[in-house]
């Protein structure tokens, strides 16, 4: 039971990391994923909500406020022992309010699918260690339109990249009784799309401490806290030059809690930025909020 609670928790945490995006500054970290939630011996369906924002930091953009939201459905299934496939489909809506007017862009985002291998799943008395690795593709299913720049919007205000993007990740955690620590790095690369635009390489990692409180046989609560880091290289535009307002380095303090009842799991998370730089400090990052509901079957 504790293994299941642990996997649910770290899955929600990883979901927060992979859904993150700084579209306002021309970068996007991965697509939605339910992460280690997929490592249950049971398959699952998951629905995740994610929201974040950026404010203009220059004197001429102080009144500009960008908000980005996504709703992601994911499915996990097991084709063979110690292997699992995770597929996710996001729907995105992005809004900007400014002195020049209000803008809205929404639609289906880029579908992502990964194949993952369980490498280690060991338990020694009260201690357990888990490690898996996965790789896959983010598919060019979302809309990408360079003409958004004419409306004073960054290119990544689009709902998709229209590029084939390989992704890779490693998930590891160590537990002792109810206490655990998680470490999870990931990476994404993007090929040049049909508009001859190439998004920058994206790296992210997080570490997290959590403690599982078992209330009853079917009910548990797990609070957690930790740190998330992301680094996104600058994009290269169709002229072969670096795109203005792209590239980022972000640090976030993460807090949240996880509730499990029978086959249902709910999670709420908040990420607060610190020592972060986006779009060459032309924007200021706001907090990030996520909510996820998972059904195990």
Protein backbone atom coordinates (compact mmCIF):
# COMPACT_ATOMS: atom_id res chain seq x y z
CA UNK A 1 0.00 0.00 0.00
CA UNK A 2 2.79 2.43 0.87
CA UNK A 3 4.42 1.83 -2.51
CA UNK A 4 1.14 2.79 -4.22
CA UNK A 5 0.77 5.95 -2.15
CA UNK A 6 4.37 6.90 -2.89
CA UNK A 7 3.99 6.36 -6.62
CA UNK A 8 0.83 8.46 -6.73
CA UNK A 9 2.58 11.31 -4.96
CA UNK A 10 5.70 11.46 -7.06
CA UNK A 11 3.60 11.03 -10.17
CA UNK A 12 1.70 14.20 -9.34
CA UNK A 13 4.94 16.04 -8.65
CA UNK A 14 6.43 15.00 -11.98
CA UNK A 15 3.23 15.99 -13.70
CA UNK A 16 3.76 19.53 -12.44
CA UNK A 17 7.24 19.60 -13.93
CA UNK A 18 6.37 18.26 -17.40
CA UNK A 19 3.33 20.41 -17.88
CA UNK A 20 5.25 23.57 -17.15
CA UNK A 21 5.82 26.00 -19.98
CA UNK A 22 7.00 29.57 -20.36
CA UNK A 23 5.17 30.22 -23.61
CA UNK A 24 5.26 33.94 -23.04
CA UNK A 25 9.04 33.95 -23.43
CA UNK A 26 9.18 31.51 -26.30
CA UNK A 27 9.95 28.31 -24.47
CA UNK A 28 7.98 25.25 -23.47
CA UNK A 29 9.02 22.44 -21.16
CA UNK A 30 7.50 19.23 -22.32
CA UNK A 31 3.90 18.13 -22.39
CA UNK A 32 1.57 16.85 -19.73
CA UNK A 33 2.52 13.63 -18.01
CA UNK A 34 1.29 11.73 -15.02
CA UNK A 35 4.87 10.61 -14.35
CA UNK A 36 5.32 7.96 -11.70
CA UNK A 37 1.58 7.54 -11.33
CA UNK A 38 2.02 5.35 -14.39
CA UNK A 39 4.26 2.96 -12.46
CA UNK A 40 1.36 1.30 -10.66
CA UNK A 41 0.71 -2.32 -11.40
CA UNK A 42 -2.72 -0.94 -12.30
CA UNK A 43 -3.32 1.23 -15.35
CA UNK A 44 -4.93 4.63 -14.98
CA UNK A 45 -6.77 7.56 -16.50
CA UNK A 46 -5.78 11.04 -15.38
CA UNK A 47 -7.01 14.59 -15.89
CA UNK A 48 -4.68 17.47 -14.99
CA UNK A 49 -5.19 21.24 -14.81
CA UNK A 50 -2.21 23.61 -14.89
CA UNK A 51 -2.03 27.39 -14.77
CA UNK A 52 0.75 29.97 -14.68
CA UNK A 53 1.47 33.54 -15.75
CA UNK A 54 4.01 36.20 -16.65
CA UNK A 55 3.97 39.97 -16.25
CA UNK A 56 5.89 42.51 -18.31
CA UNK A 57 9.00 43.79 -16.48
CA UNK A 58 9.96 46.72 -18.73
CA UNK A 59 8.51 50.22 -18.37
CA UNK A 60 6.62 49.88 -21.67
CA UNK A 61 5.21 46.43 -20.78
CA UNK A 62 4.28 46.77 -17.09
CA UNK A 63 0.60 46.65 -18.02
CA UNK A 64 1.01 43.39 -19.99
CA UNK A 65 -0.21 40.25 -18.23
CA UNK A 66 -0.08 36.80 -19.83
CA UNK A 67 -1.89 33.77 -18.47
CA UNK A 68 -1.46 30.21 -19.71
CA UNK A 69 -3.70 27.28 -18.87
CA UNK A 70 -3.86 23.64 -19.91
CA UNK A 71 -6.14 20.66 -19.33
CA UNK A 72 -4.38 17.36 -20.06
CA UNK A 73 -5.84 13.86 -20.32
CA UNK A 74 -3.41 10.96 -19.97
CA UNK A 75 -3.62 7.19 -20.24
CA UNK A 76 -1.18 4.59 -18.98
CA UNK A 77 -1.13 0.95 -20.13
CA UNK A 78 1.32 -1.92 -19.72
CA UNK A 79 2.27 -3.86 -22.89
CA UNK A 80 4.74 -6.14 -21.06
CA UNK A 81 6.16 -6.81 -17.61
CA UNK A 82 8.31 -3.88 -16.38
CA UNK A 83 7.34 -1.79 -19.42
CA UNK A 84 4.65 0.87 -19.65
CA UNK A 85 3.42 3.38 -22.21
CA UNK A 86 2.14 6.81 -21.29
CA UNK A 87 0.18 8.97 -23.73
CA UNK A 88 -1.19 12.46 -23.08
CA UNK A 89 -3.34 14.98 -24.97
CA UNK A 90 -3.40 18.62 -23.78
CA UNK A 91 -5.90 21.38 -24.49
CA UNK A 92 -4.41 24.85 -24.04
CA UNK A 93 -5.75 28.36 -23.76
CA UNK A 94 -3.52 31.44 -23.53
CA UNK A 95 -4.62 34.99 -22.77
CA UNK A 96 -2.95 38.40 -22.81
CA UNK A 97 -4.27 41.66 -21.39
CA UNK A 98 -2.43 44.88 -22.26
CA UNK A 99 -2.95 48.53 -23.21
CA UNK A 100 -2.90 47.41 -26.86
CA UNK A 101 -5.85 45.07 -26.35
CA UNK A 102 -6.75 41.59 -25.18
CA UNK A 103 -5.80 38.39 -27.00
CA UNK A 104 -6.88 34.76 -26.72
CA UNK A 105 -5.38 31.67 -28.37
CA UNK A 106 -6.68 28.17 -27.63
CA UNK A 107 -6.79 24.67 -29.06
CA UNK A 108 -5.40 21.14 -28.88
CA UNK A 109 -1.70 21.03 -28.00
CA UNK A 110 1.04 18.59 -28.96
CA UNK A 111 0.30 14.95 -28.12
CA UNK A 112 3.08 13.13 -26.29
CA UNK A 113 3.82 9.41 -26.00
CA UNK A 114 6.66 7.70 -24.12
CA UNK A 115 7.85 4.13 -23.60
CA UNK A 116 9.25 3.53 -20.12
CA UNK A 117 11.28 0.73 -18.54
CA UNK A 118 11.36 -0.15 -14.84
CA UNK A 119 15.07 -0.66 -14.09
CA UNK A 120 15.07 -1.19 -10.31
CA UNK A 121 12.20 -1.93 -7.95
CA UNK A 122 13.69 -3.25 -4.71
CA UNK A 123 12.68 -3.33 -1.07
CA UNK A 124 14.93 -4.09 1.91
CA UNK A 125 13.08 -4.26 5.21
CA UNK A 126 11.66 -0.73 5.74
CA UNK A 127 13.65 0.78 2.85
CA UNK A 128 12.78 0.71 -0.84
CA UNK A 129 14.44 2.04 -3.99
CA UNK A 130 12.87 2.59 -7.40
CA UNK A 131 14.36 3.68 -10.73
CA UNK A 132 12.90 3.90 -14.22
CA UNK A 133 13.86 5.51 -17.52
CA UNK A 134 11.79 6.46 -20.54
CA UNK A 135 11.98 8.03 -23.99
CA UNK A 136 9.44 9.11 -26.55
CA UNK A 137 8.15 11.85 -28.83
CA UNK A 138 6.07 14.96 -28.63
CA UNK A 139 4.08 14.98 -31.87
CA UNK A 140 3.29 18.03 -34.06
CA UNK A 141 -0.46 17.99 -33.47
CA UNK A 142 -0.95 21.50 -32.06
CA UNK A 143 -1.31 24.66 -34.11
CA UNK A 144 1.74 26.84 -34.86
CA UNK A 145 1.39 30.19 -36.65
CA UNK A 146 4.28 32.63 -37.06
CA UNK A 147 1.78 35.38 -37.87
CA UNK A 148 0.97 35.66 -34.17
CA UNK A 149 3.97 37.97 -33.95
CA UNK A 150 2.03 40.52 -35.99
CA UNK A 151 -0.51 40.63 -33.17
CA UNK A 152 2.29 41.47 -30.72
CA UNK A 153 2.29 37.92 -29.37
CA UNK A 154 5.34 35.65 -28.97
CA UNK A 155 5.47 32.62 -31.27
CA UNK A 156 5.03 30.24 -28.36
CA UNK A 157 1.63 31.70 -27.63
CA UNK A 158 0.66 29.00 -30.13
CA UNK A 159 -0.88 25.83 -28.76
CA UNK A 160 1.75 23.64 -30.44
CA UNK A 161 5.29 23.62 -31.80
CA UNK A 162 4.53 21.76 -35.06
CA UNK A 163 7.84 19.97 -34.55
CA UNK A 164 8.89 16.41 -33.77
CA UNK A 165 10.44 16.59 -30.31
CA UNK A 166 12.29 13.64 -28.69
CA UNK A 167 11.95 13.49 -24.91
CA UNK A 168 13.81 11.51 -22.23
CA UNK A 169 13.44 11.24 -18.48
CA UNK A 170 14.63 9.34 -15.41
CA UNK A 171 12.61 8.91 -12.22
CA UNK A 172 14.15 7.68 -8.96
CA UNK A 173 13.02 7.64 -5.36
CA UNK A 174 14.18 6.26 -2.04
CA UNK A 175 11.82 5.62 0.87
CA UNK A 176 12.23 4.72 4.51
CA UNK A 177 8.95 3.84 6.22
CA UNK A 178 6.68 6.84 5.55
CA UNK A 179 9.46 9.23 4.53
CA UNK A 180 10.74 9.51 0.96
CA UNK A 181 12.90 11.54 -1.41
CA UNK A 182 12.42 11.90 -5.16
CA UNK A 183 14.85 12.90 -7.92
CA UNK A 184 13.70 13.29 -11.54
CA UNK A 185 15.63 14.88 -14.44
CA UNK A 186 14.21 15.22 -17.97
CA UNK A 187 15.18 16.64 -21.37
CA UNK A 188 13.52 17.62 -24.63
CA UNK A 189 14.94 18.50 -28.04
CA UNK A 190 13.03 19.84 -31.05
CA UNK A 191 13.70 19.51 -34.76
CA UNK A 192 13.11 22.46 -37.08
CA UNK A 193 9.43 22.71 -37.99
CA UNK A 194 7.80 23.40 -41.37
CA UNK A 195 8.14 27.16 -40.77
CA UNK A 196 11.92 26.69 -40.33
CA UNK A 197 11.64 27.60 -36.66
CA UNK A 198 13.49 25.55 -34.05
CA UNK A 199 12.66 25.60 -30.36
CA UNK A 200 15.49 25.53 -27.85
CA UNK A 201 16.71 22.51 -25.93
CA UNK A 202 14.88 22.09 -22.61
CA UNK A 203 16.23 20.58 -19.40
CA UNK A 204 14.47 20.21 -16.08
CA UNK A 205 14.97 18.47 -12.76
CA UNK A 206 13.32 18.33 -9.37
CA UNK A 207 13.96 16.89 -5.97
CA UNK A 208 11.21 16.39 -3.43
CA UNK A 209 10.69 15.28 0.17
CA UNK A 210 7.37 13.68 1.11
CA UNK A 211 5.74 11.87 4.01
CA UNK A 212 2.80 9.48 3.75
CA UNK A 213 0.11 9.63 6.46
CA UNK A 214 -2.12 6.57 6.35
CA UNK A 215 -5.50 7.49 7.85
CA UNK A 216 -7.19 4.15 7.17
CA UNK A 217 -6.88 1.16 4.85
CA UNK A 218 -8.41 3.07 1.94
CA UNK A 219 -7.60 6.69 2.82
CA UNK A 220 -4.24 8.49 3.00
CA UNK A 221 -2.81 12.02 2.87
CA UNK A 222 0.73 12.84 1.70
CA UNK A 223 2.20 16.36 2.03
CA UNK A 224 5.35 17.21 0.08
CA UNK A 225 7.81 20.03 -0.57
CA UNK A 226 10.83 20.50 -2.80
CA UNK A 227 12.62 22.32 -5.58
CA UNK A 228 12.19 22.44 -9.35
CA UNK A 229 14.81 23.71 -11.83
CA UNK A 230 14.46 24.34 -15.56
CA UNK A 231 16.79 25.64 -18.25
CA UNK A 232 15.64 26.40 -21.79
CA UNK A 233 17.98 27.38 -24.62
CA UNK A 234 17.05 30.21 -26.99
CA UNK A 235 14.98 29.46 -30.08
CA UNK A 236 16.34 29.83 -33.62
CA UNK A 237 13.99 31.60 -36.03
CA UNK A 238 13.50 31.11 -39.78
CA UNK A 239 16.33 33.60 -40.48
CA UNK A 240 18.79 31.42 -38.60
CA UNK A 241 19.07 33.91 -35.74
CA UNK A 242 18.17 33.68 -32.08
CA UNK A 243 14.54 34.65 -31.52
CA UNK A 244 14.09 37.70 -29.30
CA UNK A 245 12.54 37.03 -25.92
CA UNK A 246 13.39 33.33 -25.73
CA UNK A 247 15.49 31.32 -23.32
CA UNK A 248 15.06 30.92 -19.58
CA UNK A 249 16.42 29.67 -16.29
CA UNK A 250 13.90 29.02 -13.55
CA UNK A 251 13.95 27.91 -9.92
CA UNK A 252 10.74 27.09 -8.05
CA UNK A 253 9.85 26.06 -4.52
CA UNK A 254 7.15 23.39 -4.67
CA UNK A 255 4.57 22.56 -2.01
CA UNK A 256 1.46 20.45 -2.14
CA UNK A 257 -0.48 17.52 -0.83
CA UNK A 258 -1.92 14.30 -2.16
CA UNK A 259 -5.14 12.54 -1.10
CA UNK A 260 -6.01 8.94 -2.00
CA UNK A 261 -9.36 7.23 -1.42
CA UNK A 262 -9.84 3.73 -2.82
CA UNK A 263 -8.98 3.97 -6.55
CA UNK A 264 -9.21 7.77 -6.72
CA UNK A 265 -6.31 10.15 -6.19
CA UNK A 266 -6.46 13.96 -5.99
CA UNK A 267 -3.48 16.31 -5.85
CA UNK A 268 -2.98 20.07 -5.44
CA UNK A 269 0.38 21.80 -5.97
CA UNK A 270 1.79 25.33 -5.86
CA UNK A 271 5.16 26.44 -7.27
CA UNK A 272 6.67 29.79 -6.27
CA UNK A 273 9.55 31.21 -8.38
CA UNK A 274 12.88 32.47 -7.00
CA UNK A 275 16.17 33.40 -8.69
CA UNK A 276 14.54 32.96 -12.10
CA UNK A 277 15.26 34.72 -15.39
CA UNK A 278 12.88 34.60 -18.35
CA UNK A 279 13.14 36.31 -21.75
CA UNK A 280 16.31 38.16 -20.73
CA UNK A 281 14.43 39.62 -17.73
CA UNK A 282 11.80 41.24 -19.94
CA UNK A 283 9.09 39.36 -18.04
CA UNK A 284 8.56 38.32 -14.44
CA UNK A 285 7.39 34.79 -13.68
CA UNK A 286 4.39 34.26 -11.42
CA UNK A 287 3.42 31.25 -9.34
CA UNK A 288 2.27 27.98 -10.91
CA UNK A 289 -0.74 25.98 -9.78
CA UNK A 290 -1.75 22.44 -10.66
CA UNK A 291 -4.61 20.10 -9.80
CA UNK A 292 -4.91 16.47 -10.85
CA UNK A 293 -7.48 13.70 -10.53
CA UNK A 294 -6.51 10.10 -11.27
CA UNK A 295 -8.56 6.92 -11.48
CA UNK A 296 -6.72 3.60 -11.09
CA UNK A 297 -8.08 0.50 -12.76
